[in-house]
Amino acid sequence: MRADDSKAVVSRRRIAALAAAGLVDFSVISLFQLGYIKHLPDLPAKVFDSDRVNSSQDAELLGIPDAPISLMAYAATILVATAGNRGGKYTKFFDLLLGGIVLGQAFGGAHYLYKMITVQKKVCMYCVAGAMINFAALKPLYDLYRCKR
């Protein structure tokens, strides 16, 4: 895998690198939602209130804080990007699974941005960064699916 510079592997690497950035970003939010960090620093503008956004009802799914759920999705992204790299009979399955995860994360990012704008009327800069990471992963996913096998 490390020596393979095929377009498919390069696409998987890019997706995994973006997921690693998401892990860093959402680790901070997770620590806030778990109470380890008491305050998330924000940019100095009234529109930013990361504490409020990340402690709202919208920041929970089935009673679970959303940041640890995102951590799990980013870790799964890295795992599946690596698993689909061997060129064996399961590669197409892992590519489809990777697509499902990446598309789900992009949809989730869009949904949370919508909620911040329309319901909470406040912005979490960490969440915006996460959404941008999710959207950025769509390009290498598209490139992966365009690769000829």
Protein backbone atom coordinates (compact mmCIF):
# COMPACT_ATOMS: atom_id res chain seq x y z
CA MET A 1 0.00 0.00 0.00
CA ARG A 2 2.76 2.44 0.90
CA ALA A 3 4.52 1.97 -2.44
CA ASP A 4 1.35 2.01 -4.55
CA ASP A 5 0.79 5.34 -6.31
CA SER A 6 -2.19 4.28 -8.38
CA LYS A 7 -5.03 6.80 -8.69
CA ALA A 8 -7.30 4.64 -6.54
CA VAL A 9 -4.78 4.41 -3.71
CA VAL A 10 -3.99 8.13 -3.89
CA SER A 11 -7.74 8.84 -3.61
CA ARG A 12 -8.06 6.54 -0.59
CA ARG A 13 -5.04 8.22 1.04
CA ARG A 14 -6.60 11.65 0.58
CA ILE A 15 -9.87 10.48 2.09
CA ALA A 16 -8.01 8.93 5.03
CA ALA A 17 -5.93 12.10 5.57
CA LEU A 18 -9.09 14.22 5.68
CA ALA A 19 -10.62 11.75 8.13
CA ALA A 20 -7.51 12.08 10.32
CA ALA A 21 -8.02 15.85 10.35
CA GLY A 22 -11.64 15.23 11.33
CA LEU A 23 -10.47 13.04 14.21
CA VAL A 24 -8.39 15.91 15.58
CA ASP A 25 -11.22 18.43 15.16
CA PHE A 26 -13.92 16.26 16.70
CA SER A 27 -11.68 15.07 19.53
CA VAL A 28 -11.77 18.63 20.85
CA ILE A 29 -15.57 18.78 20.57
CA SER A 30 -15.86 15.33 22.19
CA LEU A 31 -13.80 16.44 25.16
CA PHE A 32 -16.12 19.44 25.56
CA GLN A 33 -19.26 17.29 25.29
CA LEU A 34 -17.81 14.90 27.88
CA GLY A 35 -17.12 17.79 30.26
CA TYR A 36 -13.33 17.51 30.18
CA ILE A 37 -13.00 20.87 28.43
CA LYS A 38 -15.25 23.49 30.03
CA HIS A 39 -15.18 26.10 27.24
CA LEU A 40 -14.43 26.00 23.52
CA PRO A 41 -12.60 29.15 22.41
CA ASP A 42 -14.30 30.99 19.56
CA LEU A 43 -13.49 33.72 17.10
CA PRO A 44 -14.43 37.17 18.47
CA ALA A 45 -17.79 37.68 16.76
CA LYS A 46 -21.34 37.44 18.10
CA VAL A 47 -22.28 34.74 15.61
CA PHE A 48 -19.84 32.23 17.15
CA ASP A 49 -20.94 30.21 20.19
CA SER A 50 -19.42 26.74 19.98
CA ASP A 51 -20.37 25.97 23.58
CA ARG A 52 -24.06 26.60 22.92
CA VAL A 53 -24.11 24.71 19.62
CA ASN A 54 -22.34 21.66 21.06
CA SER A 55 -24.50 21.47 24.16
CA SER A 56 -27.81 21.86 22.30
CA GLN A 57 -30.35 19.09 21.70
CA ASP A 58 -29.28 19.06 18.06
CA ALA A 59 -25.84 17.91 19.22
CA GLU A 60 -27.21 14.56 20.38
CA LEU A 61 -28.32 11.50 18.50
CA LEU A 62 -30.36 9.00 20.51
CA GLY A 63 -28.99 10.57 23.70
CA ILE A 64 -25.38 10.25 22.56
CA PRO A 65 -23.27 13.36 21.94
CA ASP A 66 -22.65 13.74 18.22
CA ALA A 67 -18.90 14.39 18.35
CA PRO A 68 -17.96 10.87 19.57
CA ILE A 69 -20.25 9.49 16.86
CA SER A 70 -18.30 11.54 14.33
CA LEU A 71 -15.05 10.20 15.76
CA MET A 72 -16.30 6.68 15.13
CA ALA A 73 -17.24 7.59 11.54
CA TYR A 74 -13.82 9.14 10.87
CA ALA A 75 -12.05 6.09 12.31
CA ALA A 76 -14.24 3.83 10.16
CA THR A 77 -13.35 5.93 7.14
CA ILE A 78 -9.64 5.36 7.71
CA LEU A 79 -10.19 1.64 8.34
CA VAL A 80 -12.28 1.12 5.21
CA ALA A 81 -9.96 3.27 3.04
CA THR A 82 -7.13 0.98 4.11
CA ALA A 83 -9.13 -2.23 3.72
CA GLY A 84 -10.20 -1.39 0.18
CA ASN A 85 -6.63 -0.99 -0.91
CA ARG A 86 -5.56 -4.54 -1.56
CA GLY A 87 -7.02 -4.98 -5.03
CA GLY A 88 -8.62 -8.29 -4.09
CA LYS A 89 -12.13 -9.51 -4.61
CA TYR A 90 -13.51 -7.31 -1.80
CA THR A 91 -12.16 -4.00 -3.14
CA LYS A 92 -15.46 -2.99 -4.79
CA PHE A 93 -17.35 -3.77 -1.59
CA PHE A 94 -15.00 -1.58 0.46
CA ASP A 95 -15.19 1.19 -2.15
CA LEU A 96 -18.98 1.16 -1.87
CA LEU A 97 -18.79 1.11 1.93
CA LEU A 98 -16.32 4.00 1.86
CA GLY A 99 -18.67 5.91 -0.41
CA GLY A 100 -21.54 5.36 1.99
CA ILE A 101 -19.54 6.64 4.94
CA VAL A 102 -18.18 9.69 3.09
CA LEU A 103 -21.58 10.59 1.64
CA GLY A 104 -23.19 10.11 5.05
CA GLN A 105 -20.65 12.42 6.67
CA ALA A 106 -21.18 15.07 3.98
CA PHE A 107 -24.95 14.85 4.42
CA GLY A 108 -24.52 15.10 8.20
CA GLY A 109 -22.29 18.15 7.82
CA ALA A 110 -24.84 19.85 5.58
CA HIS A 111 -27.63 19.02 8.03
CA TYR A 112 -25.71 20.47 11.00
CA LEU A 113 -24.83 23.63 9.05
CA TYR A 114 -28.50 24.05 8.20
CA LYS A 115 -29.48 23.61 11.87
CA MET A 116 -26.87 26.13 13.04
CA ILE A 117 -28.13 28.72 10.57
CA THR A 118 -31.88 28.19 10.87
CA VAL A 119 -32.48 26.94 14.42
CA GLN A 120 -29.60 27.88 16.70
CA LYS A 121 -28.63 31.06 14.84
CA LYS A 122 -25.12 30.54 16.19
CA VAL A 123 -22.06 28.96 14.63
CA CYS A 124 -19.54 26.46 15.94
CA MET A 125 -16.29 27.04 14.08
CA TYR A 126 -15.15 23.49 14.93
CA CYS A 127 -18.33 22.09 13.37
CA VAL A 128 -17.91 24.25 10.27
CA ALA A 129 -14.35 22.94 9.93
CA GLY A 130 -15.68 19.39 10.24
CA ALA A 131 -18.32 20.00 7.59
CA MET A 132 -15.68 21.41 5.24
CA ILE A 133 -13.54 18.32 5.84
CA ASN A 134 -16.55 16.15 5.00
CA PHE A 135 -17.29 18.12 1.83
CA ALA A 136 -13.62 18.04 0.79
CA ALA A 137 -13.66 14.22 0.96
CA LEU A 138 -16.22 14.12 -1.83
CA LYS A 139 -13.60 15.05 -4.46
CA PRO A 140 -11.21 12.15 -3.77
CA LEU A 141 -14.23 9.85 -3.47
CA TYR A 142 -15.35 10.99 -6.92
CA ASP A 143 -11.80 10.42 -8.20
CA LEU A 144 -11.79 6.93 -6.66
CA TYR A 145 -14.99 5.99 -8.45
CA ARG A 146 -13.67 7.35 -11.75
CA CYS A 147 -10.59 5.13 -11.63
CA LYS A 148 -10.56 2.45 -14.26
CA ARG A 149 -9.96 -1.02 -12.89
